[in-house]
Amino acid sequence: MVLSLLRGLCLGVDALVKGCGKLAALLMPLLALVVAYEVFSRYVLNAPTIWAFDLSLFMFGYIAALGGAYAQQKRAHINVDILYLQVSHRTRSLFNLVTFALAIFFLILIFKTCLGKYEESIEFDYRRQSEWAPPMFHFWIMMCVASVLFIAQLGRDMLAEACFLFTGHPLIEEVKDEANTEESGDGN
């Protein structure tokens, strides 16, 4: 009963993080269009925009921050494998628990800082220091959301690692992506 609840929680976090990661990825073509338009406008029309740089900066920030939890889910972050791959699965789980706990602590600090920046940006109407001068509050909201998503993903990963340490069995069987199996040659 408890394990099925934990599995449900983990699958829910997985779905939420995956959905947000995919939505953030949809900003990539929009970012490319904004940059392409700015290049065309600047060099062909000789009429640069006042908004393209700020908009592309915000979009890149959204993509990078909102994609962090999805990258964690896919285990795409940098890992020092020299020691990590030489130890047992249980020892790796211990390494992961310590690493995830430190990351959550850091992300809580980021969340608190961004929440304070959001409140300041509303109170003092903070804007980017540019000719267009767009407001900044939306960026700080997004950073808060990204921090919470990342914390949720790390919490889910900690839960799975702790379950493995106590039971010796994975909480959820990891399903390999087709793209990953083709790259590694395991797709036969």
Protein backbone atom coordinates (compact mmCIF):
# COMPACT_ATOMS: atom_id res chain seq x y z
CA MET A 1 0.00 0.00 0.00
CA VAL A 2 2.72 2.47 0.99
CA LEU A 3 4.91 1.48 -1.96
CA SER A 4 2.04 1.99 -4.40
CA LEU A 5 1.43 5.47 -2.94
CA LEU A 6 5.11 6.29 -3.27
CA ARG A 7 5.13 4.99 -6.86
CA GLY A 8 2.10 7.14 -7.65
CA LEU A 9 3.80 10.19 -6.15
CA CYS A 10 6.97 9.53 -8.15
CA LEU A 11 5.03 9.01 -11.38
CA GLY A 12 3.09 12.22 -10.76
CA VAL A 13 6.30 14.21 -10.28
CA ASP A 14 7.77 12.53 -13.36
CA ALA A 15 4.77 13.56 -15.48
CA LEU A 16 4.77 17.15 -14.18
CA VAL A 17 8.51 17.64 -14.73
CA LYS A 18 8.39 16.00 -18.15
CA GLY A 19 5.46 18.20 -19.21
CA CYS A 20 7.19 21.39 -18.04
CA GLY A 21 10.44 20.33 -19.71
CA LYS A 22 8.66 19.67 -23.01
CA LEU A 23 6.84 23.02 -22.78
CA ALA A 24 10.13 24.81 -22.12
CA ALA A 25 11.63 23.04 -25.14
CA LEU A 26 8.87 24.54 -27.30
CA LEU A 27 10.44 27.93 -26.62
CA MET A 28 13.55 26.92 -28.59
CA PRO A 29 12.05 27.48 -32.06
CA LEU A 30 10.50 30.74 -30.87
CA LEU A 31 13.88 31.86 -29.57
CA ALA A 32 15.45 30.97 -32.93
CA LEU A 33 12.75 32.99 -34.74
CA VAL A 34 13.29 36.04 -32.53
CA VAL A 35 17.05 35.92 -33.06
CA ALA A 36 16.65 35.35 -36.82
CA TYR A 37 14.22 38.25 -37.05
CA GLU A 38 16.62 40.51 -35.18
CA VAL A 39 19.49 39.56 -37.48
CA PHE A 40 17.31 40.15 -40.55
CA SER A 41 16.00 43.42 -39.17
CA ARG A 42 19.45 44.67 -38.18
CA TYR A 43 21.51 43.66 -41.21
CA VAL A 44 19.02 43.59 -44.07
CA LEU A 45 16.52 46.27 -43.13
CA ASN A 46 19.08 48.31 -41.18
CA ALA A 47 16.42 48.79 -38.48
CA PRO A 48 17.28 46.86 -35.31
CA THR A 49 14.51 46.19 -32.82
CA ILE A 50 14.50 47.43 -29.24
CA TRP A 51 12.82 44.28 -27.91
CA ALA A 52 14.55 41.24 -29.50
CA PHE A 53 17.59 41.13 -27.23
CA ASP A 54 15.54 41.34 -24.01
CA LEU A 55 12.98 38.83 -25.25
CA SER A 56 15.66 36.35 -26.33
CA LEU A 57 17.41 36.78 -23.00
CA PHE A 58 14.20 36.01 -21.09
CA MET A 59 13.35 33.06 -23.33
CA PHE A 60 16.81 31.56 -22.89
CA GLY A 61 16.49 31.98 -19.13
CA TYR A 62 13.13 30.23 -19.18
CA ILE A 63 14.48 27.35 -21.27
CA ALA A 64 17.57 26.85 -19.10
CA ALA A 65 15.83 27.16 -15.73
CA LEU A 66 12.69 25.19 -16.54
CA GLY A 67 14.74 22.51 -18.28
CA GLY A 68 16.91 21.84 -15.21
CA ALA A 69 14.47 19.49 -13.51
CA TYR A 70 13.85 17.64 -16.79
CA ALA A 71 17.61 17.26 -17.26
CA GLN A 72 17.78 15.81 -13.73
CA GLN A 73 15.00 13.40 -14.59
CA LYS A 74 16.94 12.24 -17.67
CA ARG A 75 20.22 12.14 -15.69
CA ALA A 76 21.71 14.58 -18.19
CA HIS A 77 23.64 16.70 -15.69
CA ILE A 78 27.41 16.32 -15.45
CA ASN A 79 28.56 13.51 -13.22
CA VAL A 80 32.08 12.61 -12.07
CA ASP A 81 32.13 8.98 -13.12
CA ILE A 82 35.67 8.02 -12.09
CA LEU A 83 34.61 7.03 -8.57
CA TYR A 84 30.85 6.80 -9.07
CA LEU A 85 30.93 3.91 -11.55
CA GLN A 86 33.52 1.95 -9.53
CA VAL A 87 31.31 1.46 -6.46
CA SER A 88 28.25 -0.71 -5.82
CA HIS A 89 24.70 0.37 -6.61
CA ARG A 90 24.00 0.88 -2.89
CA THR A 91 27.04 3.14 -2.47
CA ARG A 92 25.92 5.11 -5.54
CA SER A 93 22.54 5.51 -3.87
CA LEU A 94 24.26 6.95 -0.80
CA PHE A 95 26.28 9.34 -2.97
CA ASN A 96 23.05 10.37 -4.71
CA LEU A 97 21.22 10.97 -1.44
CA VAL A 98 23.97 13.27 -0.17
CA THR A 99 24.21 15.09 -3.49
CA PHE A 100 20.43 15.50 -3.81
CA ALA A 101 20.13 16.78 -0.25
CA LEU A 102 22.81 19.41 -0.89
CA ALA A 103 21.14 20.40 -4.16
CA ILE A 104 17.76 20.76 -2.44
CA PHE A 105 19.32 22.99 0.21
CA PHE A 106 20.85 25.16 -2.51
CA LEU A 107 17.55 25.29 -4.45
CA ILE A 108 15.64 26.34 -1.33
CA LEU A 109 18.04 29.27 -1.02
CA ILE A 110 17.48 30.11 -4.69
CA PHE A 111 13.71 29.91 -4.20
CA LYS A 112 13.77 32.22 -1.18
CA THR A 113 16.02 34.71 -2.98
CA CYS A 114 13.87 34.70 -6.12
CA LEU A 115 10.69 35.10 -4.09
CA GLY A 116 12.23 38.17 -2.44
CA LYS A 117 13.31 39.50 -5.84
CA TYR A 118 9.77 38.95 -7.15
CA GLU A 119 8.29 40.93 -4.26
CA GLU A 120 10.82 43.73 -4.80
CA SER A 121 10.18 43.81 -8.54
CA ILE A 122 6.45 44.24 -7.94
CA GLU A 123 6.88 46.82 -5.18
CA PHE A 124 9.47 48.94 -7.02
CA ASP A 125 8.42 48.12 -10.61
CA TYR A 126 11.86 46.75 -11.55
CA ARG A 127 12.53 46.72 -15.26
CA ARG A 128 15.42 45.66 -17.47
CA GLN A 129 17.79 48.52 -18.03
CA SER A 130 17.31 48.74 -21.77
CA GLU A 131 15.49 50.91 -24.25
CA TRP A 132 12.49 48.57 -24.24
CA ALA A 133 12.57 48.26 -20.40
CA PRO A 134 10.32 45.22 -19.90
CA PRO A 135 9.21 44.39 -16.33
CA MET A 136 11.19 41.76 -14.41
CA PHE A 137 8.54 40.20 -12.13
CA HIS A 138 7.71 37.35 -14.55
CA PHE A 139 11.34 36.20 -14.58
CA TRP A 140 11.42 35.84 -10.80
CA ILE A 141 8.11 33.94 -10.80
CA MET A 142 9.56 31.56 -13.37
CA MET A 143 12.70 31.08 -11.27
CA CYS A 144 10.52 30.21 -8.25
CA VAL A 145 8.55 27.69 -10.33
CA ALA A 146 11.76 26.22 -11.77
CA SER A 147 13.24 25.86 -8.27
CA VAL A 148 10.14 24.10 -6.97
CA LEU A 149 10.09 21.74 -9.98
CA PHE A 150 13.75 20.91 -9.46
CA ILE A 151 13.18 20.34 -5.73
CA ALA A 152 10.23 18.07 -6.53
CA GLN A 153 12.34 16.05 -8.97
CA LEU A 154 15.22 15.74 -6.52
CA GLY A 155 12.80 14.77 -3.74
CA ARG A 156 11.35 12.10 -6.01
CA ASP A 157 14.87 10.86 -6.80
CA MET A 158 15.76 10.82 -3.08
CA LEU A 159 12.63 8.79 -2.36
CA ALA A 160 13.56 6.27 -5.04
CA GLU A 161 17.16 6.02 -3.79
CA ALA A 162 16.06 5.59 -0.15
CA CYS A 163 13.59 2.91 -1.16
CA PHE A 164 16.37 1.07 -2.98
CA LEU A 165 18.64 1.31 0.05
CA PHE A 166 15.99 -0.10 2.38
CA THR A 167 14.45 -2.76 0.14
CA GLY A 168 17.20 -3.57 -2.33
CA HIS A 169 14.70 -3.14 -5.17
CA PRO A 170 13.98 -0.10 -7.31
CA LEU A 171 10.79 1.78 -6.50
CA ILE A 172 10.04 2.24 -10.19
CA GLU A 173 11.61 0.26 -12.99
CA GLU A 174 13.54 2.66 -15.18
CA VAL A 175 12.37 2.59 -18.79
CA LYS A 176 15.08 3.28 -21.34
CA ASP A 177 14.34 5.86 -24.00
CA GLU A 178 14.43 4.63 -27.58
CA ALA A 179 16.87 7.43 -28.41
CA ASN A 180 19.23 6.33 -25.62
CA THR A 181 19.12 2.66 -26.64
CA GLU A 182 19.88 3.52 -30.28
CA GLU A 183 22.86 5.71 -29.28
CA SER A 184 24.33 3.08 -26.99
CA GLY A 185 23.81 0.26 -29.49
CA ASP A 186 21.38 -1.65 -27.25
CA GLY A 187 18.48 -1.21 -29.67
CA ASN A 188 18.74 -4.72 -31.22
